[in-house]
């Protein structure tokens, strides 16, 4: 697909909510969309489709990940190696996100959300820095969120050592969140700490005021 010459202008109706897993991005996006008549684009939901669409020569980390066993993915490697080699963290397939967003109708605002929206990838697409925010969950908040959802052991229990797999995954996700924090700070983009001090309504209000300020 050929992208418009002025890609930021073509995506000026998009609001971006990125950040670490377990921060509440999906909940905030859905509630904000309901309140603002917006459409949610869930980057997690399209991962299987993007994995199929991403040419393997352009997505070598994805190809390598697919070839691994579950133990190779989650048990036998150190968290930092897991972080550095994970295809979605590295930005593979991000052009497919952009392609999908361009194809959506422009008659309503679009809220794109998901961990794949790294600050360094989103920044060149912004016409206004207020159009993006990143949620940064603390490790304790992330673990509580996974436990509440009942998803904590979904992947680890399929490995030969669930305890090690879970510890590795949580450590990897904490490293990723710190990377996002650093990228956002370096680019002058807004990030919000999520530690449970704000309840869901208060967090929603903060993100709403950032992405849809009353003056717009």
Protein backbone atom coordinates (compact mmCIF):
# COMPACT_ATOMS: atom_id res chain seq x y z
CA UNK A 1 0.00 0.00 0.00
CA UNK A 2 1.23 3.49 -0.87
CA UNK A 3 1.01 5.87 2.07
CA UNK A 4 -0.10 9.50 1.62
CA UNK A 5 2.69 12.02 1.23
CA UNK A 6 1.55 13.79 4.41
CA UNK A 7 1.05 10.80 6.68
CA UNK A 8 0.59 12.79 9.92
CA UNK A 9 -2.23 14.79 8.31
CA UNK A 10 -3.88 11.60 7.09
CA UNK A 11 -3.82 10.27 10.67
CA UNK A 12 -4.69 13.51 12.47
CA UNK A 13 -8.05 12.03 13.57
CA UNK A 14 -6.26 9.20 15.43
CA UNK A 15 -5.59 9.25 19.16
CA UNK A 16 -2.92 6.89 20.45
CA UNK A 17 -2.83 5.00 23.78
CA UNK A 18 0.29 2.90 24.23
CA UNK A 19 2.22 1.50 27.15
CA UNK A 20 2.92 -1.65 29.10
CA UNK A 21 0.69 -4.69 29.36
CA UNK A 22 -1.80 -4.67 32.22
CA UNK A 23 -2.05 -0.88 32.43
CA UNK A 24 -5.73 -0.71 31.45
CA UNK A 25 -5.27 0.63 27.92
CA UNK A 26 -8.13 -1.39 26.45
CA UNK A 27 -10.59 -0.38 29.17
CA UNK A 28 -9.70 3.30 28.88
CA UNK A 29 -9.92 3.17 25.09
CA UNK A 30 -13.34 1.50 25.09
CA UNK A 31 -14.83 3.88 27.65
CA UNK A 32 -13.33 6.91 25.93
CA UNK A 33 -14.62 5.73 22.56
CA UNK A 34 -18.13 5.28 23.96
CA UNK A 35 -18.06 8.79 25.40
CA UNK A 36 -16.64 10.43 22.27
CA UNK A 37 -18.30 8.42 19.51
CA UNK A 38 -14.92 7.10 18.44
CA UNK A 39 -13.82 3.81 16.90
CA UNK A 40 -11.31 1.63 18.76
CA UNK A 41 -8.46 0.04 16.82
CA UNK A 42 -7.08 -2.74 19.04
CA UNK A 43 -3.54 -3.56 17.97
CA UNK A 44 -3.54 -6.74 20.09
CA UNK A 45 -6.58 -8.11 18.25
CA UNK A 46 -4.94 -7.80 14.83
CA UNK A 47 -1.66 -9.51 15.78
CA UNK A 48 -2.61 -12.88 14.19
CA UNK A 49 -3.65 -11.10 11.00
CA UNK A 50 -0.45 -9.07 10.93
CA UNK A 51 1.65 -12.16 11.57
CA UNK A 52 0.12 -13.67 8.42
CA UNK A 53 0.55 -10.47 6.39
CA UNK A 54 4.12 -9.66 7.44
CA UNK A 55 6.64 -10.99 4.88
CA UNK A 56 9.18 -13.14 6.68
CA UNK A 57 12.12 -11.33 5.07
CA UNK A 58 10.80 -8.10 6.56
CA UNK A 59 9.95 -9.66 9.93
CA UNK A 60 12.94 -11.84 10.85
CA UNK A 61 12.27 -11.65 14.59
CA UNK A 62 8.72 -12.87 14.02
CA UNK A 63 9.99 -15.77 11.91
CA UNK A 64 12.49 -16.70 14.63
CA UNK A 65 9.83 -16.49 17.36
CA UNK A 66 7.44 -18.73 15.43
CA UNK A 67 10.18 -21.35 15.06
CA UNK A 68 10.84 -21.50 18.83
CA UNK A 69 9.33 -23.96 21.27
CA UNK A 70 7.41 -22.53 24.24
CA UNK A 71 10.37 -23.27 26.51
CA UNK A 72 12.72 -21.47 24.14
CA UNK A 73 10.41 -18.48 24.16
CA UNK A 74 9.76 -18.22 27.89
CA UNK A 75 12.04 -20.48 29.99
CA UNK A 76 15.55 -20.83 28.63
CA UNK A 77 16.31 -17.21 27.70
CA UNK A 78 16.99 -14.23 29.94
CA UNK A 79 14.31 -11.51 30.15
CA UNK A 80 16.49 -8.92 28.41
CA UNK A 81 17.10 -11.23 25.48
CA UNK A 82 13.36 -11.90 25.35
CA UNK A 83 12.78 -8.13 25.27
CA UNK A 84 15.33 -7.42 22.56
CA UNK A 85 14.19 -10.19 20.24
CA UNK A 86 10.39 -9.91 20.56
CA UNK A 87 9.09 -8.91 17.15
CA UNK A 88 6.19 -6.68 18.25
CA UNK A 89 8.40 -4.81 20.72
CA UNK A 90 10.93 -4.24 17.93
CA UNK A 91 8.30 -2.65 15.71
CA UNK A 92 7.96 -5.38 13.12
CA UNK A 93 4.58 -5.06 11.42
CA UNK A 94 4.05 -1.47 12.56
CA UNK A 95 3.56 -0.41 8.95
CA UNK A 96 0.55 -2.75 8.88
CA UNK A 97 -0.96 -0.83 11.79
CA UNK A 98 -0.54 2.37 9.80
CA UNK A 99 -2.02 0.69 6.73
CA UNK A 100 -5.08 -0.42 8.70
CA UNK A 101 -5.59 3.02 10.23
CA UNK A 102 -5.45 4.75 6.87
CA UNK A 103 -8.09 2.35 5.55
CA UNK A 104 -10.58 3.22 8.31
CA UNK A 105 -13.26 5.87 7.62
CA UNK A 106 -12.43 9.36 8.83
CA UNK A 107 -15.99 10.30 9.84
CA UNK A 108 -15.28 9.43 13.49
CA UNK A 109 -12.21 9.77 15.69
CA UNK A 110 -10.13 6.61 15.98
CA UNK A 111 -8.47 5.49 19.21
CA UNK A 112 -5.55 3.16 18.51
CA UNK A 113 -4.41 1.25 21.57
CA UNK A 114 -1.89 -1.42 22.49
CA UNK A 115 1.66 -2.10 23.62
CA UNK A 116 2.88 -2.13 20.00
CA UNK A 117 2.51 1.66 19.81
CA UNK A 118 6.01 2.58 20.92
CA UNK A 119 6.73 6.31 21.28
CA UNK A 120 9.55 6.27 18.72
CA UNK A 121 7.19 4.77 16.13
CA UNK A 122 4.20 6.98 16.85
CA UNK A 123 6.05 10.31 17.23
CA UNK A 124 6.66 10.84 13.47
CA UNK A 125 2.91 10.38 12.84
CA UNK A 126 1.69 13.10 15.22
CA UNK A 127 0.47 16.53 14.17
CA UNK A 128 -0.10 17.37 17.85
CA UNK A 129 1.75 15.79 20.76
CA UNK A 130 -1.45 15.94 22.81
CA UNK A 131 -2.85 13.18 20.58
CA UNK A 132 -0.86 10.42 22.27
CA UNK A 133 -0.31 9.07 25.76
CA UNK A 134 1.50 6.07 27.23
CA UNK A 135 0.36 4.21 30.35
CA UNK A 136 3.17 2.82 32.51
CA UNK A 137 2.05 0.14 34.98
CA UNK A 138 4.19 -0.64 37.99
CA UNK A 139 5.18 -4.32 38.31
CA UNK A 140 2.80 -4.76 41.25
CA UNK A 141 -0.10 -3.21 39.36
CA UNK A 142 0.60 -5.38 36.30
CA UNK A 143 0.62 -8.57 38.36
CA UNK A 144 -2.65 -7.62 40.05
CA UNK A 145 -4.21 -6.89 36.68
CA UNK A 146 -3.16 -10.28 35.28
CA UNK A 147 -4.41 -12.06 38.40
CA UNK A 148 -7.75 -10.25 38.21
CA UNK A 149 -8.18 -11.20 34.57
CA UNK A 150 -7.24 -14.79 35.32
CA UNK A 151 -4.58 -14.74 32.58
CA UNK A 152 -1.44 -14.88 34.74
CA UNK A 153 -0.69 -18.54 34.04
CA UNK A 154 -2.16 -18.88 30.53
CA UNK A 155 1.22 -19.09 28.80
CA UNK A 156 3.50 -20.23 31.65
CA UNK A 157 1.44 -23.34 32.40
CA UNK A 158 2.08 -24.55 28.85
CA UNK A 159 5.84 -24.64 29.45
CA UNK A 160 7.94 -27.20 31.34
CA UNK A 161 8.66 -24.72 34.15
CA UNK A 162 5.70 -22.37 34.76
CA UNK A 163 7.31 -20.53 37.68
CA UNK A 164 10.42 -19.60 35.69
CA UNK A 165 8.36 -18.72 32.62
CA UNK A 166 6.13 -16.37 34.60
CA UNK A 167 9.07 -14.71 36.33
CA UNK A 168 10.77 -14.20 32.95
CA UNK A 169 7.64 -12.77 31.34
CA UNK A 170 7.01 -10.33 34.19
CA UNK A 171 10.65 -9.22 34.19
CA UNK A 172 10.60 -8.77 30.42
CA UNK A 173 7.43 -6.68 30.61
CA UNK A 174 8.92 -4.51 33.35
CA UNK A 175 11.97 -3.87 31.16
CA UNK A 176 9.70 -2.99 28.25
CA UNK A 177 7.77 -0.49 30.34
CA UNK A 178 11.00 1.20 31.36
CA UNK A 179 12.05 1.39 27.71
CA UNK A 180 8.74 3.04 26.84
CA UNK A 181 9.20 5.47 29.73
CA UNK A 182 12.62 6.45 28.42
CA UNK A 183 11.47 6.84 24.83
CA UNK A 184 8.51 9.02 25.80
CA UNK A 185 10.69 11.23 27.97
CA UNK A 186 13.36 11.61 25.29
CA UNK A 187 10.73 12.60 22.70
CA UNK A 188 8.81 14.94 24.99
CA UNK A 189 5.69 12.76 24.89
CA UNK A 190 3.22 12.28 27.71
CA UNK A 191 3.34 9.19 29.92
CA UNK A 192 1.15 8.39 32.91
CA UNK A 193 2.22 6.20 35.83
CA UNK A 194 -0.38 3.53 36.64
CA UNK A 195 0.06 2.25 40.18
CA UNK A 196 -3.50 2.06 41.49
CA UNK A 197 -3.40 5.49 43.16
CA UNK A 198 -6.03 6.63 40.64
CA UNK A 199 -9.22 4.62 40.28
CA UNK A 200 -10.51 3.76 36.80
CA UNK A 201 -12.72 6.85 36.54
CA UNK A 202 -9.91 9.19 37.57
CA UNK A 203 -7.48 7.59 35.13
CA UNK A 204 -10.08 7.86 32.36
CA UNK A 205 -10.60 11.55 33.12
CA UNK A 206 -6.86 12.22 32.96
CA UNK A 207 -6.49 10.48 29.60
CA UNK A 208 -9.67 12.11 28.25
CA UNK A 209 -8.39 15.57 29.15
CA UNK A 210 -5.12 14.78 27.43
CA UNK A 211 -6.48 13.32 24.19
CA UNK A 212 -9.72 15.30 23.90
CA UNK A 213 -9.14 18.62 25.69
CA UNK A 214 -12.21 20.81 26.11
CA UNK A 215 -10.74 23.44 23.82
CA UNK A 216 -10.88 21.10 20.82
